[in-house]
Protein backbone atom coordinates (compact mmCIF):
# COMPACT_ATOMS: atom_id res chain seq x y z
CA MET A 1 0.00 0.00 0.00
CA HIS A 2 1.20 3.52 -0.84
CA THR A 3 2.32 5.24 2.37
CA VAL A 4 1.78 8.99 2.81
CA ALA A 5 3.71 10.67 5.62
CA VAL A 6 2.39 14.08 6.71
CA LEU A 7 5.07 16.05 8.57
CA ALA A 8 3.60 18.11 11.42
CA LEU A 9 6.10 20.64 12.74
CA ASP A 10 5.41 23.00 15.64
CA GLN A 11 2.75 25.66 14.87
CA VAL A 12 1.44 23.57 11.98
CA VAL A 13 -1.57 25.10 10.18
CA PRO A 14 -4.52 22.79 11.04
CA PHE A 15 -6.15 22.94 7.60
CA ASP A 16 -2.86 22.19 5.84
CA LEU A 17 -2.44 19.16 8.10
CA SER A 18 -5.98 17.82 7.78
CA ALA A 19 -6.55 18.38 4.03
CA PRO A 20 -4.14 15.68 2.78
CA ILE A 21 -5.17 13.30 5.58
CA ASP A 22 -8.79 13.67 4.50
CA ALA A 23 -8.17 13.58 0.73
CA PHE A 24 -5.87 10.54 0.72
CA GLY A 25 -7.92 8.89 3.45
CA ARG A 26 -11.08 9.01 1.30
CA ALA A 27 -9.43 7.40 -1.74
CA ARG A 28 -10.63 3.85 -2.39
CA LEU A 29 -9.50 1.38 -5.03
CA PRO A 30 -12.13 -0.20 -7.31
CA ASP A 31 -12.39 -3.22 -4.99
CA GLY A 32 -13.11 -0.95 -2.00
CA ARG A 33 -9.69 -1.17 -0.35
CA ALA A 34 -8.03 1.97 1.00
CA ALA A 35 -5.61 3.37 -1.55
CA TYR A 36 -3.22 4.93 0.98
CA ARG A 37 -1.76 4.34 4.42
CA ILE A 38 -1.37 7.68 6.24
CA ARG A 39 1.17 8.42 8.94
CA VAL A 40 1.42 11.71 10.84
CA CYS A 41 5.04 12.40 11.75
CA SER A 42 6.97 14.98 13.70
CA VAL A 43 10.59 15.39 14.70
CA GLU A 44 10.24 12.65 17.31
CA ALA A 45 7.63 9.91 17.74
CA GLY A 46 5.06 10.81 20.37
CA GLN A 47 6.10 14.46 20.39
CA GLU A 48 3.39 17.04 21.19
CA VAL A 49 2.92 19.50 18.33
CA ASP A 50 1.41 22.96 18.73
CA ALA A 51 -1.39 23.32 16.16
CA GLY A 52 -2.73 26.69 17.32
CA PRO A 53 -6.11 26.08 18.98
CA PHE A 54 -5.10 22.53 19.96
CA THR A 55 -2.10 20.25 20.36
CA LEU A 56 -1.57 16.87 18.77
CA ARG A 57 0.71 13.95 19.43
CA ALA A 58 2.36 12.59 16.29
CA PRO A 59 2.71 8.77 16.40
CA TYR A 60 5.79 8.75 14.16
CA GLY A 61 9.14 10.51 14.03
CA LEU A 62 11.44 11.53 11.19
CA GLU A 63 12.51 7.92 10.69
CA ALA A 64 9.09 7.25 9.13
CA LEU A 65 9.93 9.59 6.25
CA ALA A 66 12.44 7.04 4.96
CA GLU A 67 9.64 4.47 4.61
CA ALA A 68 7.11 6.77 2.91
CA ASP A 69 6.24 6.81 -0.77
CA THR A 70 4.94 10.38 -0.50
CA ILE A 71 5.80 13.08 2.05
CA ILE A 72 3.46 16.05 2.58
CA LEU A 73 4.76 19.30 4.09
CA PRO A 74 1.95 21.39 5.63
CA GLY A 75 2.60 25.07 6.31
CA THR A 76 3.36 26.58 9.71
CA GLU A 77 2.36 29.88 11.29
CA ASN A 78 5.97 31.08 11.06
CA PRO A 79 7.15 29.66 7.75
CA THR A 80 10.51 31.47 7.77
CA ALA A 81 11.57 29.96 11.11
CA PRO A 82 14.69 27.76 10.97
CA LEU A 83 13.96 24.07 10.43
CA PRO A 84 14.29 21.82 13.50
CA PRO A 85 17.49 19.75 13.54
CA GLY A 86 17.33 16.71 11.30
CA VAL A 87 14.34 17.79 9.17
CA ALA A 88 16.25 19.04 6.11
CA GLU A 89 18.56 16.03 6.21
CA ALA A 90 15.66 13.58 6.44
CA LEU A 91 13.85 15.22 3.52
CA ARG A 92 16.97 15.31 1.35
CA ALA A 93 17.66 11.64 2.11
CA ALA A 94 14.09 10.70 1.20
CA ALA A 95 14.34 12.69 -2.03
CA ALA A 96 17.58 10.91 -2.93
CA ASN A 97 15.70 7.61 -2.59
CA GLY A 98 13.03 8.79 -5.04
CA THR A 99 10.30 9.67 -2.52
CA ARG A 100 7.67 12.08 -3.83
CA ILE A 101 7.50 15.27 -1.74
CA ALA A 102 4.74 17.87 -1.86
CA SER A 103 4.18 21.08 0.10
CA ILE A 104 0.93 22.79 1.00
CA CYS A 105 0.58 26.57 1.09
CA VAL A 106 3.51 28.12 2.99
CA GLY A 107 4.91 24.63 3.50
CA ALA A 108 6.84 25.64 0.38
CA PHE A 109 9.18 27.60 2.71
CA ILE A 110 10.06 24.34 4.50
CA PHE A 111 10.57 22.64 1.14
CA ALA A 112 12.70 25.46 -0.28
CA ALA A 113 14.87 25.56 2.86
CA THR A 114 16.12 22.05 1.99
CA GLY A 115 17.45 23.25 -1.36
CA LEU A 116 15.38 20.63 -3.18
CA LEU A 117 13.36 23.27 -5.06
CA ASP A 118 16.41 25.11 -6.42
CA GLU A 119 16.16 25.69 -10.19
CA LEU A 120 12.55 24.45 -10.15
CA ARG A 121 9.19 26.20 -10.57
CA ALA A 122 7.07 26.32 -7.41
CA THR A 123 4.06 28.04 -5.89
CA THR A 124 2.72 29.02 -2.48
CA HIS A 125 -0.07 31.21 -1.13
CA TRP A 126 -0.12 34.31 -3.32
CA ILE A 127 0.26 36.62 -0.34
CA ALA A 128 3.57 34.94 0.59
CA ALA A 129 4.93 34.45 -2.94
CA GLY A 130 7.09 37.58 -2.93
CA GLU A 131 8.73 36.64 0.36
CA LEU A 132 9.42 33.09 -0.83
CA ALA A 133 11.04 34.42 -4.01
CA ALA A 134 13.16 36.89 -2.03
CA LEU A 135 14.34 34.29 0.50
CA HIS A 136 15.02 31.62 -2.12
CA PRO A 137 16.05 33.33 -5.39
CA ALA A 138 17.06 29.99 -6.93
CA VAL A 139 13.37 28.96 -6.92
CA THR A 140 11.10 30.22 -9.71
CA VAL A 141 7.95 31.23 -7.81
CA ASP A 142 4.67 31.33 -9.75
CA PRO A 143 1.87 32.93 -7.65
CA ASN A 144 -0.83 32.43 -10.30
CA VAL A 145 -1.38 28.68 -10.23
CA LEU A 146 -3.14 26.25 -7.88
CA TYR A 147 -0.24 23.79 -7.87
CA VAL A 148 3.00 22.95 -9.67
CA ASP A 149 3.96 19.36 -10.50
CA ASN A 150 7.66 18.87 -11.26
CA GLY A 151 7.33 15.10 -11.22
CA GLN A 152 8.95 14.08 -7.93
CA PHE A 153 8.38 17.44 -6.26
CA LEU A 154 5.05 19.30 -6.06
CA THR A 155 3.92 22.54 -4.41
CA SER A 156 0.42 23.91 -3.90
CA ALA A 157 -1.04 27.35 -3.32
CA GLY A 158 -3.03 28.41 -0.28
CA ALA A 159 -5.73 26.54 1.64
CA ALA A 160 -8.16 24.72 -0.70
CA ALA A 161 -5.49 24.34 -3.40
CA ALA A 162 -4.17 21.53 -1.20
CA LEU A 163 -7.17 19.47 -2.25
CA ASP A 164 -6.55 20.25 -5.92
CA MET A 165 -2.99 18.99 -5.63
CA CYS A 166 -3.93 15.89 -3.59
CA LEU A 167 -6.63 14.91 -6.10
CA HIS A 168 -4.07 15.41 -8.88
CA MET A 169 -1.67 13.03 -7.12
CA ILE A 170 -4.42 10.45 -6.55
CA ARG A 171 -5.22 10.59 -10.27
CA ARG A 172 -1.53 10.12 -11.09
CA ASP A 173 -1.32 7.13 -8.77
CA HIS A 174 -4.62 5.34 -9.43
CA GLY A 175 -6.37 6.93 -12.42
CA SER A 176 -9.25 9.31 -12.97
CA ALA A 177 -12.01 7.03 -11.65
CA VAL A 178 -10.46 6.73 -8.18
CA ALA A 179 -9.65 10.45 -8.10
CA ALA A 180 -13.15 11.44 -9.25
CA ASP A 181 -14.68 9.31 -6.49
CA ALA A 182 -12.43 10.97 -3.89
CA ALA A 183 -13.40 14.38 -5.30
CA ARG A 184 -17.11 13.61 -4.99
CA LEU A 185 -16.67 12.52 -1.37
CA SER A 186 -14.82 15.81 -0.71
CA VAL A 187 -17.61 17.77 -2.51
CA MET A 188 -14.87 19.12 -4.75
CA PRO A 189 -14.48 19.31 -8.54
CA LEU A 190 -11.71 17.09 -9.87
CA GLU A 191 -10.42 20.12 -11.77
CA ARG A 192 -11.18 23.74 -10.95
CA GLU A 193 -11.36 26.44 -13.61
CA GLY A 194 -8.66 29.08 -13.45
CA GLY A 195 -5.67 29.26 -11.18
CA GLN A 196 -4.74 31.07 -7.99
CA ALA A 197 -4.68 34.38 -9.89
CA GLN A 198 -8.46 34.70 -9.56
CA PHE A 199 -8.08 34.98 -5.77
CA ILE A 200 -5.38 37.65 -5.82
CA VAL A 201 -6.46 41.15 -4.84
CA HIS A 202 -5.06 43.31 -7.64
CA THR A 203 -4.31 46.61 -5.95
CA GLN A 204 -2.88 49.55 -7.88
CA PRO A 205 0.66 50.67 -7.08
CA PRO A 206 -0.02 53.55 -4.69
CA ALA A 207 1.20 57.04 -5.39
CA PRO A 208 2.42 58.84 -2.24
CA ALA A 209 -0.11 61.36 -0.95
CA GLY A 210 0.59 64.84 -2.25
CA THR A 211 2.51 63.72 -5.34
CA THR A 212 1.76 65.25 -8.71
CA MET A 213 0.10 62.04 -9.93
CA GLU A 214 -2.47 61.82 -7.12
CA PRO A 215 -5.18 64.02 -8.77
CA LEU A 216 -4.65 62.28 -12.12
CA LEU A 217 -5.06 58.83 -10.57
CA GLY A 218 -8.38 59.89 -9.05
CA TRP A 219 -9.54 61.20 -12.43
CA LEU A 220 -8.50 57.96 -14.16
CA GLU A 221 -10.42 55.88 -11.62
CA GLU A 222 -13.56 57.97 -12.16
CA ASN A 223 -13.25 57.89 -15.96
CA ALA A 224 -12.07 54.31 -16.48
CA ASP A 225 -15.20 53.58 -18.54
CA ARG A 226 -14.19 56.13 -21.19
CA ASP A 227 -12.18 55.27 -24.31
CA LEU A 228 -9.03 57.04 -23.12
CA THR A 229 -5.79 57.21 -25.07
CA LEU A 230 -2.34 58.07 -23.77
CA GLU A 231 -2.76 61.47 -25.44
CA ASP A 232 -6.05 62.05 -23.55
CA ILE A 233 -4.35 61.26 -20.24
CA ALA A 234 -1.37 63.48 -21.06
CA ALA A 235 -3.71 66.34 -21.99
CA ARG A 236 -5.49 65.97 -18.64
CA ALA A 237 -2.12 66.06 -16.87
CA GLY A 238 -1.05 69.07 -18.94
CA THR A 239 2.16 67.46 -20.13
CA SER A 240 3.65 65.56 -23.04
CA THR A 241 3.14 61.79 -23.34
CA ARG A 242 6.87 61.24 -22.82
CA THR A 243 6.96 63.27 -19.62
CA LEU A 244 3.75 61.64 -18.43
CA ASN A 245 5.15 58.14 -18.88
CA ARG A 246 8.36 59.05 -17.03
CA ARG A 247 6.62 60.71 -14.08
CA PHE A 248 3.96 58.02 -13.89
CA ARG A 249 6.51 55.22 -13.71
CA GLU A 250 8.60 57.14 -11.15
CA GLN A 251 5.62 57.60 -8.84
CA THR A 252 3.57 54.40 -9.39
CA GLY A 253 6.00 51.86 -10.86
CA THR A 254 3.86 51.29 -13.95
CA THR A 255 2.57 53.08 -17.07
CA PRO A 256 -0.66 55.09 -17.38
CA LEU A 257 -2.32 52.54 -19.69
CA GLN A 258 -1.30 49.56 -17.54
CA TRP A 259 -2.72 51.35 -14.50
CA LEU A 260 -5.93 52.07 -16.40
CA HIS A 261 -6.29 48.41 -17.50
CA ARG A 262 -5.98 47.26 -13.88
CA ALA A 263 -8.59 49.81 -12.77
CA ARG A 264 -10.97 48.49 -15.42
CA VAL A 265 -10.40 44.88 -14.38
CA ARG A 266 -11.09 45.78 -10.74
CA ARG A 267 -14.33 47.50 -11.74
CA ALA A 268 -15.32 44.44 -13.80
CA GLN A 269 -14.61 42.15 -10.84
CA TYR A 270 -16.87 44.29 -8.64
CA LEU A 271 -19.69 44.18 -11.21
CA LEU A 272 -19.34 40.43 -11.68
CA GLU A 273 -19.50 39.91 -7.92
CA THR A 274 -22.42 42.26 -7.17
CA THR A 275 -24.67 42.33 -10.25
CA THR A 276 -26.29 39.98 -12.73
CA TYR A 277 -25.44 42.19 -15.71
CA PRO A 278 -24.43 40.31 -18.87
CA VAL A 279 -20.81 40.38 -19.94
CA GLU A 280 -21.58 42.84 -22.76
CA ARG A 281 -22.88 45.44 -20.31
CA ILE A 282 -20.01 44.91 -17.88
CA ALA A 283 -17.50 45.28 -20.73
CA THR A 284 -19.02 48.67 -21.56
CA GLN A 285 -19.30 49.89 -17.97
CA ALA A 286 -15.74 48.84 -17.17
CA GLY A 287 -14.38 50.68 -20.20
CA PHE A 288 -13.38 47.84 -22.50
CA GLY A 289 -13.87 48.39 -26.21
CA SER A 290 -15.71 45.10 -26.78
CA PRO A 291 -16.78 41.95 -24.96
CA THR A 292 -13.98 40.07 -26.72
CA ALA A 293 -11.35 42.57 -25.55
CA PHE A 294 -12.83 42.39 -22.04
CA ARG A 295 -12.69 38.59 -21.89
CA GLU A 296 -9.10 38.49 -23.17
CA ARG A 297 -7.83 41.17 -20.78
CA PHE A 298 -9.75 39.74 -17.82
CA LYS A 299 -8.38 36.23 -18.35
CA ARG A 300 -4.85 37.58 -18.80
CA VAL A 301 -4.97 39.45 -15.46
CA VAL A 302 -7.26 37.25 -13.33
CA GLY A 303 -6.41 33.85 -14.80
CA THR A 304 -9.96 32.73 -15.50
CA SER A 305 -12.97 33.78 -17.58
CA PRO A 306 -15.55 36.37 -16.42
CA TYR A 307 -18.18 33.61 -16.30
CA ALA A 308 -16.03 31.32 -14.11
CA TYR A 309 -15.11 34.25 -11.87
CA ARG A 310 -18.79 35.14 -11.38
CA ARG A 311 -19.66 31.55 -10.48
CA ALA A 312 -16.89 31.46 -7.88
CA PHE A 313 -17.35 34.85 -6.27
CA GLN A 314 -20.86 36.21 -6.73
CA GLY A 315 -22.65 36.53 -3.39
CA ALA A 316 -26.33 36.58 -2.59
CA GLY A 317 -26.57 40.37 -2.55
CA GLY A 318 -26.34 40.98 -6.28
CA ASP A 319 -28.47 43.34 -8.32
CA PRO A 320 -32.07 42.04 -8.57
CA GLY A 321 -32.20 42.59 -12.33
CA PRO A 322 -32.70 39.78 -14.87
CA VAL A 323 -30.33 36.86 -14.62
CA VAL A 324 -28.36 36.44 -17.84
CA ALA A 325 -25.77 33.70 -18.28
CA ALA A 326 -22.46 35.36 -19.11
CA ALA A 327 -20.54 33.58 -21.84
CA SER A 328 -17.05 32.57 -20.90
């Protein structure tokens, strides 16, 4: 039987710990047998582990990692803390023996600290992606995806992306039928539309209060629905397009048109979340030239279609107007 070892270090994130236990624990082979044996490990067998609102006692120590077929690394509340003695060595030894290793959320910091992710693509929770990239420049961090599969080594994004990655591994191990059954038991689609990018809050680069760009940024936000050109924006600022581009980049870190595109996408996200307007109307109100241009720009920035975004994020308090299915 395939053995999955879940490594619980001090201050382990409870969801990161329980998600793989639940996902692999639900997997059943066609004859009804359990597909996986699950072992919760810590630095020492029987050690008490702080899991925030509760403590747990891990039945296995690091020696169990050498016997595992798959090792899962849940995140911890302080992911940049130094690894306990023996952890990096045990993980590197397991990797040398061909063991599959996967991290969940900020568990990628534990993984990266071993050096095993060097020169590989990886992901983590989008809010921690910049810090992971800064601490481990040899790792190519992609904050826009739900998980990255490098073959032997896998990393997942935040929270629920752990289930996406676990279901992916179950499908790799035992086929789509077993994975689909595990997904149904978890009330989870076998494959979700879009990546982690749809969950990222796309804020504009702020201009310091009192800078020359501050009034212009307010005007752009208010007039994002208009068909504005760079010349229109420069005329509003009372300067040449060349000077505008230079000052804009100095004060915001981006260009006027890039800033405007992001403002339009944010407006479209708000309308998709709070109204039932069709895509054509949202494209107009957000300032895109056509529904096609809107869909292309939205997918490029958010990582999924307007229709899929609406399904994922629209609440119950939307506009009471007619419900129109938005084409993806």
